[in-house]
PDB file of N, CA and C in Angstrom:
ATOM      1  N   MET A   1     -15.750 -18.447  12.453  1.00  0.00           N
ATOM      2  CA  MET A   1     -15.103 -18.000  13.685  1.00  0.00           C
ATOM      3  C   MET A   1     -15.881 -16.832  14.320  1.00  0.00           C
ATOM      4  N   GLN A   2     -16.267 -16.909  15.576  1.00  0.00           N
ATOM      5  CA  GLN A   2     -16.957 -15.817  16.215  1.00  0.00           C
ATOM      6  C   GLN A   2     -15.984 -14.674  16.604  1.00  0.00           C
ATOM      7  N   ILE A   3     -16.427 -13.453  16.264  1.00  0.00           N
ATOM      8  CA  ILE A   3     -15.589 -12.287  16.559  1.00  0.00           C
ATOM      9  C   ILE A   3     -16.351 -11.596  17.756  1.00  0.00           C
ATOM     10  N   ASN A   4     -15.626 -11.080  18.693  1.00  0.00           N
ATOM     11  CA  ASN A   4     -16.168 -10.346  19.757  1.00  0.00           C
ATOM     12  C   ASN A   4     -15.362  -9.034  19.960  1.00  0.00           C
ATOM     13  N   PHE A   5     -16.216  -8.064  20.495  1.00  0.00           N
ATOM     14  CA  PHE A   5     -15.660  -6.716  20.873  1.00  0.00           C
ATOM     15  C   PHE A   5     -15.615  -6.773  22.461  1.00  0.00           C
ATOM     16  N   VAL A   6     -14.442  -6.425  23.018  1.00  0.00           N
ATOM     17  CA  VAL A   6     -14.324  -6.478  24.422  1.00  0.00           C
ATOM     18  C   VAL A   6     -14.263  -5.051  24.961  1.00  0.00           C
ATOM     19  N   TYR A   7     -15.356  -4.631  25.621  1.00  0.00           N
ATOM     20  CA  TYR A   7     -15.368  -3.251  26.200  1.00  0.00           C
ATOM     21  C   TYR A   7     -14.698  -3.252  27.574  1.00  0.00           C
ATOM     22  N   MET A   8     -13.748  -2.259  27.760  1.00  0.00           N
ATOM     23  CA  MET A   8     -13.056  -2.168  29.089  1.00  0.00           C
ATOM     24  C   MET A   8     -12.907  -0.708  29.394  1.00  0.00           C
ATOM     25  N   THR A   9     -12.672  -0.366  30.576  1.00  0.00           N
ATOM     26  CA  THR A   9     -12.285   0.995  31.026  1.00  0.00           C
ATOM     27  C   THR A   9     -10.937   0.920  31.775  1.00  0.00           C
ATOM     28  N   ALA A  10     -10.268   2.117  31.668  1.00  0.00           N
ATOM     29  CA  ALA A  10      -9.092   2.200  32.452  1.00  0.00           C
ATOM     30  C   ALA A  10      -8.995   3.576  33.124  1.00  0.00           C
ATOM     31  N   GLY A  11      -8.172   3.709  34.073  1.00  0.00           N
ATOM     32  CA  GLY A  11      -8.033   4.936  34.899  1.00  0.00           C
ATOM     33  C   GLY A  11      -7.437   6.182  34.203  1.00  0.00           C
ATOM     34  N   ASN A  12      -6.603   5.847  33.197  1.00  0.00           N
ATOM     35  CA  ASN A  12      -5.954   6.984  32.383  1.00  0.00           C
ATOM     36  C   ASN A  12      -5.482   6.438  31.087  1.00  0.00           C
ATOM     37  N   LYS A  13      -5.087   7.402  30.254  1.00  0.00           N
ATOM     38  CA  LYS A  13      -4.617   7.069  28.864  1.00  0.00           C
ATOM     39  C   LYS A  13      -3.425   6.124  28.895  1.00  0.00           C
ATOM     40  N   GLU A  14      -2.471   6.413  29.768  1.00  0.00           N
ATOM     41  CA  GLU A  14      -1.239   5.639  29.792  1.00  0.00           C
ATOM     42  C   GLU A  14      -1.530   4.181  30.162  1.00  0.00           C
ATOM     43  N   GLU A  15      -2.440   4.000  31.046  1.00  0.00           N
ATOM     44  CA  GLU A  15      -2.756   2.577  31.501  1.00  0.00           C
ATOM     45  C   GLU A  15      -3.527   1.936  30.279  1.00  0.00           C
ATOM     46  N   ALA A  16      -4.419   2.591  29.518  1.00  0.00           N
ATOM     47  CA  ALA A  16      -5.125   2.066  28.480  1.00  0.00           C
ATOM     48  C   ALA A  16      -4.152   1.770  27.346  1.00  0.00           C
ATOM     49  N   ARG A  17      -3.230   2.593  27.064  1.00  0.00           N
ATOM     50  CA  ARG A  17      -2.162   2.355  26.048  1.00  0.00           C
ATOM     51  C   ARG A  17      -1.331   1.100  26.407  1.00  0.00           C
ATOM     52  N   LYS A  18      -0.976   1.028  27.652  1.00  0.00           N
ATOM     53  CA  LYS A  18      -0.134  -0.210  28.107  1.00  0.00           C
ATOM     54  C   LYS A  18      -0.945  -1.405  27.819  1.00  0.00           C
ATOM     55  N   ILE A  19      -2.193  -1.452  28.283  1.00  0.00           N
ATOM     56  CA  ILE A  19      -3.005  -2.662  28.073  1.00  0.00           C
ATOM     57  C   ILE A  19      -3.144  -2.924  26.557  1.00  0.00           C
ATOM     58  N   GLY A  20      -3.514  -1.932  25.756  1.00  0.00           N
ATOM     59  CA  GLY A  20      -3.753  -2.105  24.403  1.00  0.00           C
ATOM     60  C   GLY A  20      -2.490  -2.627  23.657  1.00  0.00           C
ATOM     61  N   LYS A  21      -1.363  -2.042  23.950  1.00  0.00           N
ATOM     62  CA  LYS A  21      -0.129  -2.599  23.255  1.00  0.00           C
ATOM     63  C   LYS A  21       0.078  -3.965  23.588  1.00  0.00           C
ATOM     64  N   GLU A  22      -0.088  -4.411  24.888  1.00  0.00           N
ATOM     65  CA  GLU A  22       0.145  -5.804  25.239  1.00  0.00           C
ATOM     66  C   GLU A  22      -0.749  -6.851  24.650  1.00  0.00           C
ATOM     67  N   LEU A  23      -2.104  -6.358  24.568  1.00  0.00           N
ATOM     68  CA  LEU A  23      -3.003  -7.269  23.882  1.00  0.00           C
ATOM     69  C   LEU A  23      -2.736  -7.446  22.383  1.00  0.00           C
ATOM     70  N   VAL A  24      -2.372  -6.400  21.669  1.00  0.00           N
ATOM     71  CA  VAL A  24      -2.087  -6.520  20.291  1.00  0.00           C
ATOM     72  C   VAL A  24      -0.716  -7.189  20.095  1.00  0.00           C
ATOM     73  N   ALA A  25       0.275  -6.967  20.910  1.00  0.00           N
ATOM     74  CA  ALA A  25       1.568  -7.600  20.676  1.00  0.00           C
ATOM     75  C   ALA A  25       1.520  -9.142  20.978  1.00  0.00           C
ATOM     76  N   SER A  26       0.613  -9.510  21.826  1.00  0.00           N
ATOM     77  CA  SER A  26       0.503 -10.927  22.215  1.00  0.00           C
ATOM     78  C   SER A  26      -0.605 -11.702  21.423  1.00  0.00           C
ATOM     79  N   LYS A  27      -1.091 -10.887  20.343  1.00  0.00           N
ATOM     80  CA  LYS A  27      -2.121 -11.550  19.554  1.00  0.00           C
ATOM     81  C   LYS A  27      -3.373 -11.908  20.322  1.00  0.00           C
ATOM     82  N   LEU A  28      -3.677 -11.251  21.353  1.00  0.00           N
ATOM     83  CA  LEU A  28      -4.965 -11.492  22.099  1.00  0.00           C
ATOM     84  C   LEU A  28      -6.035 -10.512  21.478  1.00  0.00           C
ATOM     85  N   ALA A  29      -5.578  -9.475  20.816  1.00  0.00           N
ATOM     86  CA  ALA A  29      -6.565  -8.613  20.114  1.00  0.00           C
ATOM     87  C   ALA A  29      -5.955  -8.222  18.766  1.00  0.00           C
ATOM     88  N   ALA A  30      -6.768  -8.049  17.823  1.00  0.00           N
ATOM     89  CA  ALA A  30      -6.231  -7.470  16.528  1.00  0.00           C
ATOM     90  C   ALA A  30      -6.112  -6.028  16.477  1.00  0.00           C
ATOM     91  N   CYS A  31      -6.897  -5.456  17.301  1.00  0.00           N
ATOM     92  CA  CYS A  31      -6.804  -3.906  17.424  1.00  0.00           C
ATOM     93  C   CYS A  31      -7.562  -3.563  18.716  1.00  0.00           C
ATOM     94  N   VAL A  32      -7.066  -2.380  19.303  1.00  0.00           N
ATOM     95  CA  VAL A  32      -7.618  -1.752  20.442  1.00  0.00           C
ATOM     96  C   VAL A  32      -7.933  -0.318  20.155  1.00  0.00           C
ATOM     97  N   ASN A  33      -9.159   0.074  20.313  1.00  0.00           N
ATOM     98  CA  ASN A  33      -9.480   1.478  20.187  1.00  0.00           C
ATOM     99  C   ASN A  33      -9.453   2.064  21.626  1.00  0.00           C
ATOM    100  N   ILE A  34      -8.828   3.329  21.663  1.00  0.00           N
ATOM    101  CA  ILE A  34      -8.799   3.972  22.939  1.00  0.00           C
ATOM    102  C   ILE A  34      -9.497   5.354  22.840  1.00  0.00           C
ATOM    103  N   LEU A  35     -10.546   5.510  23.674  1.00  0.00           N
ATOM    104  CA  LEU A  35     -11.287   6.714  23.667  1.00  0.00           C
ATOM    105  C   LEU A  35     -11.191   7.437  24.985  1.00  0.00           C
ATOM    106  N   ASP A  36     -10.498   8.519  24.993  1.00  0.00           N
ATOM    107  CA  ASP A  36     -10.178   9.249  26.167  1.00  0.00           C
ATOM    108  C   ASP A  36     -11.311  10.163  26.602  1.00  0.00           C
ATOM    109  N   ASN A  37     -11.143  10.656  27.834  1.00  0.00           N
ATOM    110  CA  ASN A  37     -12.113  11.665  28.308  1.00  0.00           C
ATOM    111  C   ASN A  37     -13.583  11.267  28.506  1.00  0.00           C
ATOM    112  N   MET A  38     -13.747  10.023  28.966  1.00  0.00           N
ATOM    113  CA  MET A  38     -15.035   9.482  29.231  1.00  0.00           C
ATOM    114  C   MET A  38     -15.335   9.766  30.735  1.00  0.00           C
ATOM    115  N   ASN A  39     -16.572  10.132  31.053  1.00  0.00           N
ATOM    116  CA  ASN A  39     -16.984  10.401  32.433  1.00  0.00           C
ATOM    117  C   ASN A  39     -17.781   9.253  32.995  1.00  0.00           C
ATOM    118  N   SER A  40     -17.502   8.734  34.077  1.00  0.00           N
ATOM    119  CA  SER A  40     -18.142   7.632  34.729  1.00  0.00           C
ATOM    120  C   SER A  40     -18.640   8.002  36.116  1.00  0.00           C
ATOM    121  N   MET A  41     -19.947   7.649  36.325  1.00  0.00           N
ATOM    122  CA  MET A  41     -20.591   7.829  37.635  1.00  0.00           C
ATOM    123  C   MET A  41     -21.064   6.454  38.070  1.00  0.00           C
ATOM    124  N   TYR A  42     -20.593   6.088  39.295  1.00  0.00           N
ATOM    125  CA  TYR A  42     -20.923   4.776  39.834  1.00  0.00           C
ATOM    126  C   TYR A  42     -20.854   4.818  41.312  1.00  0.00           C
ATOM    127  N   MET A  43     -21.300   3.784  41.854  1.00  0.00           N
ATOM    128  CA  MET A  43     -21.287   3.599  43.376  1.00  0.00           C
ATOM    129  C   MET A  43     -20.019   2.629  43.644  1.00  0.00           C
ATOM    130  N   TRP A  44     -19.182   3.057  44.621  1.00  0.00           N
ATOM    131  CA  TRP A  44     -18.098   2.180  44.980  1.00  0.00           C
ATOM    132  C   TRP A  44     -17.809   2.325  46.418  1.00  0.00           C
ATOM    133  N   ASN A  45     -17.844   1.182  47.154  1.00  0.00           N
ATOM    134  CA  ASN A  45     -17.729   1.155  48.591  1.00  0.00           C
ATOM    135  C   ASN A  45     -18.778   2.102  49.274  1.00  0.00           C
ATOM    136  N   GLY A  46     -19.882   2.126  48.748  1.00  0.00           N
ATOM    137  CA  GLY A  46     -20.934   2.920  49.376  1.00  0.00           C
ATOM    138  C   GLY A  46     -20.982   4.524  49.067  1.00  0.00           C
ATOM    139  N   GLU A  47     -20.085   4.844  48.135  1.00  0.00           N
ATOM    140  CA  GLU A  47     -19.877   6.283  47.854  1.00  0.00           C
ATOM    141  C   GLU A  47     -20.036   6.561  46.374  1.00  0.00           C
ATOM    142  N   LEU A  48     -20.731   7.589  45.995  1.00  0.00           N
ATOM    143  CA  LEU A  48     -20.887   7.947  44.530  1.00  0.00           C
ATOM    144  C   LEU A  48     -19.565   8.457  44.031  1.00  0.00           C
ATOM    145  N   GLN A  49     -19.104   7.893  42.931  1.00  0.00           N
ATOM    146  CA  GLN A  49     -17.864   8.305  42.328  1.00  0.00           C
ATOM    147  C   GLN A  49     -18.229   9.024  41.051  1.00  0.00           C
ATOM    148  N   ASP A  50     -17.487  10.029  40.666  1.00  0.00           N
ATOM    149  CA  ASP A  50     -17.621  10.814  39.425  1.00  0.00           C
ATOM    150  C   ASP A  50     -16.234  11.060  38.890  1.00  0.00           C
ATOM    151  N   ASP A  51     -15.865  10.094  38.053  1.00  0.00           N
ATOM    152  CA  ASP A  51     -14.383  10.072  37.548  1.00  0.00           C
ATOM    153  C   ASP A  51     -14.245  10.262  36.144  1.00  0.00           C
ATOM    154  N   SER A  52     -13.133  10.638  35.648  1.00  0.00           N
ATOM    155  CA  SER A  52     -12.722  10.553  34.245  1.00  0.00           C
ATOM    156  C   SER A  52     -12.035   9.198  34.027  1.00  0.00           C
ATOM    157  N   GLU A  53     -12.393   8.531  33.008  1.00  0.00           N
ATOM    158  CA  GLU A  53     -11.819   7.294  32.594  1.00  0.00           C
ATOM    159  C   GLU A  53     -11.676   7.256  31.087  1.00  0.00           C
ATOM    160  N   VAL A  54     -11.016   6.126  30.689  1.00  0.00           N
ATOM    161  CA  VAL A  54     -10.708   5.882  29.249  1.00  0.00           C
ATOM    162  C   VAL A  54     -11.374   4.633  28.885  1.00  0.00           C
ATOM    163  N   VAL A  55     -12.107   4.582  27.728  1.00  0.00           N
ATOM    164  CA  VAL A  55     -12.660   3.396  27.184  1.00  0.00           C
ATOM    165  C   VAL A  55     -11.727   2.736  26.323  1.00  0.00           C
ATOM    166  N   CYS A  56     -11.648   1.464  26.350  1.00  0.00           N
ATOM    167  CA  CYS A  56     -10.891   0.609  25.329  1.00  0.00           C
ATOM    168  C   CYS A  56     -11.849  -0.403  24.806  1.00  0.00           C
ATOM    169  N   ILE A  57     -11.726  -0.621  23.457  1.00  0.00           N
ATOM    170  CA  ILE A  57     -12.528  -1.580  22.779  1.00  0.00           C
ATOM    171  C   ILE A  57     -11.545  -2.446  21.968  1.00  0.00           C
ATOM    172  N   ALA A  58     -11.435  -3.676  22.394  1.00  0.00           N
ATOM    173  CA  ALA A  58     -10.571  -4.715  21.710  1.00  0.00           C
ATOM    174  C   ALA A  58     -11.336  -5.662  20.823  1.00  0.00           C
ATOM    175  N   LYS A  59     -10.814  -5.801  19.609  1.00  0.00           N
ATOM    176  CA  LYS A  59     -11.445  -6.692  18.641  1.00  0.00           C
ATOM    177  C   LYS A  59     -10.694  -8.011  18.675  1.00  0.00           C
ATOM    178  N   THR A  60     -11.433  -9.138  18.904  1.00  0.00           N
ATOM    179  CA  THR A  60     -10.724 -10.448  19.139  1.00  0.00           C
ATOM    180  C   THR A  60     -11.684 -11.574  18.737  1.00  0.00           C
ATOM    181  N   THR A  61     -11.326 -12.783  18.921  1.00  0.00           N
ATOM    182  CA  THR A  61     -12.132 -13.891  18.672  1.00  0.00           C
ATOM    183  C   THR A  61     -12.672 -14.427  19.965  1.00  0.00           C
ATOM    184  N   GLU A  62     -13.795 -15.042  19.952  1.00  0.00           N
ATOM    185  CA  GLU A  62     -14.363 -15.616  21.120  1.00  0.00           C
ATOM    186  C   GLU A  62     -13.409 -16.586  21.830  1.00  0.00           C
ATOM    187  N   GLU A  63     -12.612 -17.323  21.099  1.00  0.00           N
ATOM    188  CA  GLU A  63     -11.589 -18.230  21.693  1.00  0.00           C
ATOM    189  C   GLU A  63     -10.585 -17.529  22.437  1.00  0.00           C
ATOM    190  N   ARG A  64     -10.173 -16.348  22.080  1.00  0.00           N
ATOM    191  CA  ARG A  64      -9.201 -15.650  22.849  1.00  0.00           C
ATOM    192  C   ARG A  64      -9.619 -14.788  23.979  1.00  0.00           C
ATOM    193  N   VAL A  65     -10.955 -14.685  24.156  1.00  0.00           N
ATOM    194  CA  VAL A  65     -11.540 -13.825  25.211  1.00  0.00           C
ATOM    195  C   VAL A  65     -11.048 -14.224  26.645  1.00  0.00           C
ATOM    196  N   PRO A  66     -11.057 -15.496  27.059  1.00  0.00           N
ATOM    197  CA  PRO A  66     -10.555 -15.775  28.365  1.00  0.00           C
ATOM    198  C   PRO A  66      -9.149 -15.385  28.680  1.00  0.00           C
ATOM    199  N   ASP A  67      -8.220 -15.667  27.690  1.00  0.00           N
ATOM    200  CA  ASP A  67      -6.856 -15.159  27.811  1.00  0.00           C
ATOM    201  C   ASP A  67      -6.745 -13.656  27.871  1.00  0.00           C
ATOM    202  N   LEU A  68      -7.518 -12.991  26.997  1.00  0.00           N
ATOM    203  CA  LEU A  68      -7.520 -11.565  26.960  1.00  0.00           C
ATOM    204  C   LEU A  68      -7.908 -11.029  28.352  1.00  0.00           C
ATOM    205  N   ILE A  69      -9.055 -11.519  28.932  1.00  0.00           N
ATOM    206  CA  ILE A  69      -9.530 -11.108  30.265  1.00  0.00           C
ATOM    207  C   ILE A  69      -8.456 -11.285  31.320  1.00  0.00           C
ATOM    208  N   ALA A  70      -7.757 -12.503  31.313  1.00  0.00           N
ATOM    209  CA  ALA A  70      -6.799 -12.706  32.264  1.00  0.00           C
ATOM    210  C   ALA A  70      -5.545 -11.725  32.112  1.00  0.00           C
ATOM    211  N   LYS A  71      -5.164 -11.447  30.988  1.00  0.00           N
ATOM    212  CA  LYS A  71      -4.098 -10.413  30.682  1.00  0.00           C
ATOM    213  C   LYS A  71      -4.461  -9.089  31.163  1.00  0.00           C
ATOM    214  N   VAL A  72      -5.636  -8.671  30.944  1.00  0.00           N
ATOM    215  CA  VAL A  72      -6.093  -7.320  31.332  1.00  0.00           C
ATOM    216  C   VAL A  72      -6.133  -7.285  32.804  1.00  0.00           C
ATOM    217  N   LYS A  73      -6.653  -8.245  33.518  1.00  0.00           N
ATOM    218  CA  LYS A  73      -6.744  -8.246  34.950  1.00  0.00           C
ATOM    219  C   LYS A  73      -5.292  -8.193  35.558  1.00  0.00           C
ATOM    220  N   SER A  74      -4.338  -8.778  34.878  1.00  0.00           N
ATOM    221  CA  SER A  74      -2.949  -8.879  35.379  1.00  0.00           C
ATOM    222  C   SER A  74      -2.317  -7.459  35.263  1.00  0.00           C
ATOM    223  N   LEU A  75      -2.685  -6.653  34.270  1.00  0.00           N
ATOM    224  CA  LEU A  75      -2.154  -5.376  34.028  1.00  0.00           C
ATOM    225  C   LEU A  75      -2.925  -4.208  34.590  1.00  0.00           C
ATOM    226  N   HIS A  76      -4.148  -4.444  35.081  1.00  0.00           N
ATOM    227  CA  HIS A  76      -5.008  -3.310  35.441  1.00  0.00           C
ATOM    228  C   HIS A  76      -4.770  -2.886  36.879  1.00  0.00           C
ATOM    229  N   SER A  77      -4.965  -1.598  37.052  1.00  0.00           N
ATOM    230  CA  SER A  77      -4.773  -0.986  38.369  1.00  0.00           C
ATOM    231  C   SER A  77      -6.062  -1.088  39.259  1.00  0.00           C
ATOM    232  N   TYR A  78      -7.126  -1.356  38.679  1.00  0.00           N
ATOM    233  CA  TYR A  78      -8.455  -1.439  39.411  1.00  0.00           C
ATOM    234  C   TYR A  78      -8.585  -2.821  40.125  1.00  0.00           C
ATOM    235  N   ASP A  79      -9.230  -2.835  41.297  1.00  0.00           N
ATOM    236  CA  ASP A  79      -9.591  -3.995  41.969  1.00  0.00           C
ATOM    237  C   ASP A  79     -10.692  -4.845  41.294  1.00  0.00           C
ATOM    238  N   CYS A  80     -11.572  -4.062  40.592  1.00  0.00           N
ATOM    239  CA  CYS A  80     -12.645  -4.759  39.828  1.00  0.00           C
ATOM    240  C   CYS A  80     -12.855  -4.032  38.465  1.00  0.00           C
ATOM    241  N   PRO A  81     -11.985  -4.355  37.578  1.00  0.00           N
ATOM    242  CA  PRO A  81     -12.084  -3.672  36.280  1.00  0.00           C
ATOM    243  C   PRO A  81     -13.330  -4.045  35.433  1.00  0.00           C
ATOM    244  N   CYS A  82     -13.808  -3.069  34.657  1.00  0.00           N
ATOM    245  CA  CYS A  82     -14.844  -3.456  33.801  1.00  0.00           C
ATOM    246  C   CYS A  82     -14.195  -4.096  32.531  1.00  0.00           C
ATOM    247  N   ILE A  83     -14.618  -5.333  32.265  1.00  0.00           N
ATOM    248  CA  ILE A  83     -14.180  -6.109  31.070  1.00  0.00           C
ATOM    249  C   ILE A  83     -15.368  -6.865  30.675  1.00  0.00           C
ATOM    250  N   VAL A  84     -15.946  -6.489  29.495  1.00  0.00           N
ATOM    251  CA  VAL A  84     -17.177  -7.157  28.988  1.00  0.00           C
ATOM    252  C   VAL A  84     -17.022  -7.525  27.717  1.00  0.00           C
ATOM    253  N   SER A  85     -17.330  -8.781  27.335  1.00  0.00           N
ATOM    254  CA  SER A  85     -17.261  -9.298  25.977  1.00  0.00           C
ATOM    255  C   SER A  85     -18.552  -9.254  25.272  1.00  0.00           C
ATOM    256  N   LEU A  86     -18.636  -8.743  24.072  1.00  0.00           N
ATOM    257  CA  LEU A  86     -19.905  -8.704  23.238  1.00  0.00           C
ATOM    258  C   LEU A  86     -19.709  -9.323  21.969  1.00  0.00           C
ATOM    259  N   PRO A  87     -20.565 -10.292  21.585  1.00  0.00           N
ATOM    260  CA  PRO A  87     -20.374 -10.949  20.311  1.00  0.00           C
ATOM    261  C   PRO A  87     -20.803 -10.029  19.131  1.00  0.00           C
ATOM    262  N   VAL A  88     -20.083 -10.049  18.149  1.00  0.00           N
ATOM    263  CA  VAL A  88     -20.298  -9.338  16.822  1.00  0.00           C
ATOM    264  C   VAL A  88     -21.210 -10.236  15.991  1.00  0.00           C
ATOM    265  N   LEU A  89     -22.460  -9.771  15.787  1.00  0.00           N
ATOM    266  CA  LEU A  89     -23.410 -10.558  15.063  1.00  0.00           C
ATOM    267  C   LEU A  89     -23.255 -10.538  13.463  1.00  0.00           C
ATOM    268  N   ASP A  90     -22.732  -9.465  13.011  1.00  0.00           N
ATOM    269  CA  ASP A  90     -22.595  -9.383  11.609  1.00  0.00           C
ATOM    270  C   ASP A  90     -21.611  -8.243  11.334  1.00  0.00           C
ATOM    271  N   GLY A  91     -21.096  -8.171  10.035  1.00  0.00           N
ATOM    272  CA  GLY A  91     -20.191  -7.086   9.834  1.00  0.00           C
ATOM    273  C   GLY A  91     -19.514  -7.292   8.410  1.00  0.00           C
ATOM    274  N   HIS A  92     -18.618  -6.397   8.108  1.00  0.00           N
ATOM    275  CA  HIS A  92     -17.834  -6.478   6.809  1.00  0.00           C
ATOM    276  C   HIS A  92     -16.894  -7.708   6.863  1.00  0.00           C
ATOM    277  N   GLN A  93     -17.158  -8.702   6.105  1.00  0.00           N
ATOM    278  CA  GLN A  93     -16.494 -10.035   6.282  1.00  0.00           C
ATOM    279  C   GLN A  93     -15.001  -9.923   6.166  1.00  0.00           C
ATOM    280  N   PRO A  94     -14.467  -9.060   5.255  1.00  0.00           N
ATOM    281  CA  PRO A  94     -12.971  -8.930   5.100  1.00  0.00           C
ATOM    282  C   PRO A  94     -12.468  -8.510   6.506  1.00  0.00           C
ATOM    283  N   PHE A  95     -13.134  -7.555   7.171  1.00  0.00           N
ATOM    284  CA  PHE A  95     -12.571  -6.983   8.372  1.00  0.00           C
ATOM    285  C   PHE A  95     -12.692  -8.168   9.508  1.00  0.00           C
ATOM    286  N   LEU A  96     -13.765  -8.921   9.549  1.00  0.00           N
ATOM    287  CA  LEU A  96     -13.961  -9.982  10.492  1.00  0.00           C
ATOM    288  C   LEU A  96     -12.822 -11.070  10.304  1.00  0.00           C
ATOM    289  N   ASP A  97     -12.524 -11.285   9.037  1.00  0.00           N
ATOM    290  CA  ASP A  97     -11.486 -12.289   8.626  1.00  0.00           C
ATOM    291  C   ASP A  97     -10.190 -11.784   9.154  1.00  0.00           C
ATOM    292  N   TRP A  98      -9.858 -10.514   8.994  1.00  0.00           N
ATOM    293  CA  TRP A  98      -8.666  -9.905   9.430  1.00  0.00           C
ATOM    294  C   TRP A  98      -8.541 -10.140  10.920  1.00  0.00           C
ATOM    295  N   VAL A  99      -9.537  -9.718  11.627  1.00  0.00           N
ATOM    296  CA  VAL A  99      -9.509  -9.914  13.129  1.00  0.00           C
ATOM    297  C   VAL A  99      -9.152 -11.362  13.583  1.00  0.00           C
ATOM    298  N   SER A 100      -9.799 -12.347  12.794  1.00  0.00           N
ATOM    299  CA  SER A 100      -9.390 -13.708  13.056  1.00  0.00           C
ATOM    300  C   SER A 100      -7.972 -13.999  12.706  1.00  0.00           C
ATOM    301  N   ASP A 101      -7.528 -13.547  11.579  1.00  0.00           N
ATOM    302  CA  ASP A 101      -6.121 -13.861  11.198  1.00  0.00           C
ATOM    303  C   ASP A 101      -5.126 -13.236  12.214  1.00  0.00           C
ATOM    304  N   GLN A 102      -5.322 -12.094  12.658  1.00  0.00           N
ATOM    305  CA  GLN A 102      -4.465 -11.381  13.596  1.00  0.00           C
ATOM    306  C   GLN A 102      -4.416 -11.900  14.879  1.00  0.00           C
ATOM    307  N   THR A 103      -5.394 -12.723  15.365  1.00  0.00           N
ATOM    308  CA  THR A 103      -5.417 -13.332  16.687  1.00  0.00           C
ATOM    309  C   THR A 103      -5.205 -14.828  16.685  1.00  0.00           C
ATOM    310  N   LYS A 104      -4.749 -15.362  15.617  1.00  0.00           N
ATOM    311  CA  LYS A 104      -4.409 -16.849  15.534  1.00  0.00           C
ATOM    312  C   LYS A 104      -3.160 -16.970  16.471  1.00  0.00           C
ATOM    313  N   ARG A 105      -3.186 -18.075  17.236  1.00  0.00           N
ATOM    314  CA  ARG A 105      -2.081 -18.468  18.089  1.00  0.00           C
ATOM    315  C   ARG A 105      -0.782 -18.746  17.388  1.00  0.00           C
TER     316      ARG A 105
END
């Protein structure tokens, strides 16, 4: 089973926690790490933005990624949220097995 980490950003910690809780409760992710106080600089609508954001990293299986993305989009306040899935190439097998077990339908 292919394990993926899904990197996301949220506008604040409350939004990140809401998304994280929903993903874990619905078995779309085994775990969501929330890293507060991240600074993001980017162009949006032709203007330079310099904002505080929150990083979320969800651990899931490749099979669950499409549903996870759909759920995050439905909960997210941004028009164009950052949601990027990255395959895990290797790791501690008991942990990878746990992620797989926690995200079974």
